[in-house]
Protein backbone atom coordinates (compact mmCIF):
# COMPACT_ATOMS: atom_id res chain seq x y z
CA MET A 1 -21.10 13.81 -11.94
CA ALA A 2 -17.47 14.60 -12.52
CA GLY A 3 -17.29 15.85 -8.99
CA ALA A 4 -19.06 12.66 -7.44
CA ALA A 5 -16.39 10.61 -9.40
CA GLY A 6 -13.75 12.81 -7.74
CA ALA A 7 -15.12 12.56 -4.63
CA SER A 8 -15.42 8.63 -4.46
CA HIS A 9 -12.06 8.26 -6.08
CA LYS A 10 -10.63 10.64 -3.34
CA ASN A 11 -12.12 8.37 -0.71
CA ASN A 12 -11.15 5.22 -2.37
CA ARG A 13 -7.40 6.44 -1.79
CA ARG A 14 -7.89 7.59 1.55
CA SER A 15 -9.18 4.02 2.33
CA ASP A 16 -6.27 2.49 0.35
CA VAL A 17 -3.76 4.54 2.66
CA LYS A 18 -5.86 3.62 5.82
CA LEU A 19 -5.20 0.00 4.86
CA GLU A 20 -1.93 0.59 3.97
CA ASN A 21 -0.86 1.94 7.11
CA ALA A 22 -2.57 -0.64 9.02
CA LEU A 23 -0.62 -3.31 7.01
CA GLU A 24 2.81 -1.43 7.74
CA GLN A 25 1.86 -1.34 11.97
CA ALA A 26 1.00 -5.04 11.61
CA ARG A 27 4.20 -5.99 9.78
CA PHE A 28 6.43 -3.94 12.37
CA GLU A 29 4.30 -5.35 15.58
CA ALA A 30 5.12 -8.92 13.91
CA SER A 31 8.72 -8.06 13.39
CA ARG A 32 8.89 -6.80 16.75
CA ALA A 33 7.18 -9.96 18.44
CA HIS A 34 9.48 -12.11 16.15
CA ARG A 35 12.80 -10.24 17.52
CA GLN A 36 11.35 -10.78 21.46
CA TYR A 37 10.78 -14.40 20.89
CA ASP A 38 14.33 -15.00 19.28
CA ALA A 39 15.66 -12.77 22.06
CA VAL A 40 14.36 -15.03 25.20
CA ASP A 41 16.12 -17.50 26.98
CA PRO A 42 14.82 -21.23 25.63
CA GLU A 43 14.85 -22.46 29.13
CA ASN A 44 12.37 -20.03 30.03
CA ARG A 45 9.37 -21.77 28.44
CA LEU A 46 6.54 -19.42 30.14
CA VAL A 47 8.20 -16.69 28.60
CA ALA A 48 8.95 -18.27 25.28
CA SER A 49 5.15 -19.63 24.84
CA ASN A 50 3.77 -16.22 25.67
CA LEU A 51 6.21 -14.19 22.98
CA GLU A 52 5.71 -17.12 20.63
CA ARG A 53 1.54 -16.58 20.96
CA ARG A 54 1.99 -12.89 20.68
CA TRP A 55 4.03 -13.28 17.49
CA ASN A 56 1.57 -15.66 15.77
CA GLU A 57 -0.94 -13.13 16.69
CA ARG A 58 0.69 -10.37 14.98
CA LEU A 59 1.17 -12.93 11.69
CA LEU A 60 -2.19 -13.30 12.00
CA HIS A 61 -3.28 -9.52 12.18
CA THR A 62 -0.53 -9.06 9.15
CA ALA A 63 -2.58 -11.58 7.10
CA ALA A 64 -6.14 -10.40 8.30
CA ASP A 65 -5.12 -6.65 7.35
CA ARG A 66 -4.44 -7.73 3.53
CA LEU A 67 -8.18 -8.92 3.61
CA GLU A 68 -11.42 -7.24 2.76
CA PRO A 69 -13.58 -6.93 4.52
CA PRO A 70 -11.03 -7.64 7.61
CA LEU A 71 -11.33 -11.09 9.84
CA PRO A 72 -12.59 -10.43 13.43
CA PRO A 73 -9.68 -10.68 16.13
CA VAL A 74 -8.25 -14.00 17.15
CA ALA A 75 -7.98 -15.01 20.67
CA PHE A 76 -5.58 -17.56 21.62
CA PRO A 77 -5.23 -19.36 25.13
CA VAL A 78 -3.19 -18.26 27.42
CA GLY A 79 -0.94 -20.36 29.90
CA PRO A 80 1.46 -23.37 29.81
CA GLU A 81 0.78 -25.89 27.20
């Protein structure tokens, strides 16, 4: 019985590490998308719009990675507003 409990603990730990890695990756991607958005010329509305959409997607992925079970991917419309 103790062996099963140890294996269960090890599996839970792997799952926690995997979740933490996914969250760290999502935070990195959201931060990168934010930097790209901040760097774009405001006069270039199409690029700014696409970068803002990407940034929002990354923020949603960051929030979704904190939830269990994870939410399905969110699709945003692409194109001029």
